């Protein structure tokens, strides 16, 4: 299935998975002139932002748990319940 660059731009809005697979095939075949670079670069940038946001969120939870471990060791039951709650949210 060979799609032209303009068709890829349209496909991006209609079938994201197929758009990804088609661009992946083009990149593997080194057909760089046919890749939908505009949308691809935007997706990579958005992915990096999501990953950073997720990392910051997880680091905040770790820091909170370390703080509680250091300052509230006597109340392990409440801390354990919160830890289990955070694990279920993932």
C-alpha atoms as a PDB file:
ATOM      1  CA  UNK A   1       0.000   0.000   0.000  1.00  0.00           C
ATOM      2  CA  UNK A   2       1.865   3.047  -1.201  1.00  0.00           C
ATOM      3  CA  UNK A   3       0.488   6.387  -0.099  1.00  0.00           C
ATOM      4  CA  UNK A   4       1.645   9.796  -1.282  1.00  0.00           C
ATOM      5  CA  UNK A   5       2.631  12.509   1.191  1.00  0.00           C
ATOM      6  CA  UNK A   6      -0.682  14.384   0.819  1.00  0.00           C
ATOM      7  CA  UNK A   7      -2.640  11.175   1.414  1.00  0.00           C
ATOM      8  CA  UNK A   8      -0.564  10.566   4.564  1.00  0.00           C
ATOM      9  CA  UNK A   9      -1.523  14.003   5.878  1.00  0.00           C
ATOM     10  CA  UNK A  10      -5.194  13.104   5.372  1.00  0.00           C
ATOM     11  CA  UNK A  11      -4.675   9.656   6.870  1.00  0.00           C
ATOM     12  CA  UNK A  12      -3.260  11.260  10.022  1.00  0.00           C
ATOM     13  CA  UNK A  13      -6.713  12.675  10.797  1.00  0.00           C
ATOM     14  CA  UNK A  14      -8.655   9.535   9.820  1.00  0.00           C
ATOM     15  CA  UNK A  15      -6.627   6.500  10.934  1.00  0.00           C
ATOM     16  CA  UNK A  16      -3.750   7.299  13.264  1.00  0.00           C
ATOM     17  CA  UNK A  17      -2.508   3.704  13.575  1.00  0.00           C
ATOM     18  CA  UNK A  18      -2.365   3.216   9.809  1.00  0.00           C
ATOM     19  CA  UNK A  19      -0.613   6.598   9.495  1.00  0.00           C
ATOM     20  CA  UNK A  20       2.035   5.455  12.017  1.00  0.00           C
ATOM     21  CA  UNK A  21       2.559   2.121  10.282  1.00  0.00           C
ATOM     22  CA  UNK A  22       2.840   3.726   6.847  1.00  0.00           C
ATOM     23  CA  UNK A  23       5.393   6.281   8.047  1.00  0.00           C
ATOM     24  CA  UNK A  24       7.322   3.540   9.817  1.00  0.00           C
ATOM     25  CA  UNK A  25       7.449   1.543   6.601  1.00  0.00           C
ATOM     26  CA  UNK A  26       8.662   4.594   4.690  1.00  0.00           C
ATOM     27  CA  UNK A  27      11.384   5.262   7.254  1.00  0.00           C
ATOM     28  CA  UNK A  28      12.537   1.632   7.225  1.00  0.00           C
ATOM     29  CA  UNK A  29      12.689   1.722   3.432  1.00  0.00           C
ATOM     30  CA  UNK A  30      14.571   5.048   3.582  1.00  0.00           C
ATOM     31  CA  UNK A  31      11.899   6.782   1.515  1.00  0.00           C
ATOM     32  CA  UNK A  32      12.394   9.988   3.463  1.00  0.00           C
ATOM     33  CA  UNK A  33      10.889  12.278   0.851  1.00  0.00           C
ATOM     34  CA  UNK A  34       7.475  10.581   1.268  1.00  0.00           C
ATOM     35  CA  UNK A  35       7.311  10.756   5.103  1.00  0.00           C
ATOM     36  CA  UNK A  36       4.731  13.092   6.669  1.00  0.00           C
ATOM     37  CA  UNK A  37       7.437  15.048   8.502  1.00  0.00           C
ATOM     38  CA  UNK A  38       5.203  17.798   9.873  1.00  0.00           C
ATOM     39  CA  UNK A  39       2.873  15.504  11.768  1.00  0.00           C
ATOM     40  CA  UNK A  40       5.637  13.047  12.656  1.00  0.00           C
ATOM     41  CA  UNK A  41       7.777  15.727  14.303  1.00  0.00           C
ATOM     42  CA  UNK A  42       4.739  17.068  16.160  1.00  0.00           C
ATOM     43  CA  UNK A  43       3.932  13.574  17.478  1.00  0.00           C
ATOM     44  CA  UNK A  44       7.525  13.009  18.640  1.00  0.00           C
ATOM     45  CA  UNK A  45       7.509  16.366  20.411  1.00  0.00           C
ATOM     46  CA  UNK A  46       4.158  15.609  22.089  1.00  0.00           C
ATOM     47  CA  UNK A  47       5.395  12.162  23.117  1.00  0.00           C
ATOM     48  CA  UNK A  48       8.472  13.685  24.764  1.00  0.00           C
ATOM     49  CA  UNK A  49       6.281  16.174  26.677  1.00  0.00           C
ATOM     50  CA  UNK A  50       3.969  13.375  27.895  1.00  0.00           C
ATOM     51  CA  UNK A  51       6.906  11.258  29.016  1.00  0.00           C
ATOM     52  CA  UNK A  52       8.467  14.172  30.900  1.00  0.00           C
ATOM     53  CA  UNK A  53       5.157  15.010  32.567  1.00  0.00           C
ATOM     54  CA  UNK A  54       4.730  11.370  33.592  1.00  0.00           C
ATOM     55  CA  UNK A  55       8.279  11.208  34.944  1.00  0.00           C
ATOM     56  CA  UNK A  56       7.786  14.367  37.006  1.00  0.00           C
ATOM     57  CA  UNK A  57       4.527  12.987  38.403  1.00  0.00           C
ATOM     58  CA  UNK A  58       6.132   9.673  39.388  1.00  0.00           C
ATOM     59  CA  UNK A  59       9.097  11.461  40.962  1.00  0.00           C
ATOM     60  CA  UNK A  60       6.683  13.570  43.035  1.00  0.00           C
ATOM     61  CA  UNK A  61       4.982  10.403  44.339  1.00  0.00           C
ATOM     62  CA  UNK A  62       8.369   8.875  45.191  1.00  0.00           C
ATOM     63  CA  UNK A  63       9.437  12.028  47.027  1.00  0.00           C
ATOM     64  CA  UNK A  64       6.141  12.100  48.926  1.00  0.00           C
ATOM     65  CA  UNK A  65       6.580   8.474  49.975  1.00  0.00           C
ATOM     66  CA  UNK A  66      10.169   9.092  51.060  1.00  0.00           C
ATOM     67  CA  UNK A  67       9.019  12.072  53.122  1.00  0.00           C
ATOM     68  CA  UNK A  68       6.292  10.023  54.769  1.00  0.00           C
ATOM     69  CA  UNK A  69       8.690   7.150  55.383  1.00  0.00           C
ATOM     70  CA  UNK A  70      11.114   9.498  57.081  1.00  0.00           C
ATOM     71  CA  UNK A  71       8.532  11.423  59.126  1.00  0.00           C
ATOM     72  CA  UNK A  72       5.603   9.069  59.755  1.00  0.00           C
ATOM     73  CA  UNK A  73       7.061   5.599  60.200  1.00  0.00           C
ATOM     74  CA  UNK A  74       4.741   4.950  63.141  1.00  0.00           C
ATOM     75  CA  UNK A  75       1.673   5.247  60.928  1.00  0.00           C
ATOM     76  CA  UNK A  76       2.621   2.525  58.444  1.00  0.00           C
ATOM     77  CA  UNK A  77      -0.945   1.283  57.952  1.00  0.00           C
ATOM     78  CA  UNK A  78      -2.218   4.601  56.548  1.00  0.00           C
ATOM     79  CA  UNK A  79       0.883   4.966  54.408  1.00  0.00           C
ATOM     80  CA  UNK A  80       0.459   1.424  53.054  1.00  0.00           C
ATOM     81  CA  UNK A  81      -3.155   2.156  52.091  1.00  0.00           C
ATOM     82  CA  UNK A  82      -2.068   5.248  50.157  1.00  0.00           C
ATOM     83  CA  UNK A  83       0.722   3.324  48.424  1.00  0.00           C
ATOM     84  CA  UNK A  84      -1.774   0.652  47.306  1.00  0.00           C
ATOM     85  CA  UNK A  85      -4.150   3.358  46.104  1.00  0.00           C
ATOM     86  CA  UNK A  86      -1.398   4.909  43.948  1.00  0.00           C
ATOM     87  CA  UNK A  87      -0.495   1.522  42.491  1.00  0.00           C
ATOM     88  CA  UNK A  88      -4.119   0.940  41.470  1.00  0.00           C
ATOM     89  CA  UNK A  89      -4.241   4.304  39.642  1.00  0.00           C
ATOM     90  CA  UNK A  90      -1.561   3.190  37.140  1.00  0.00           C
END
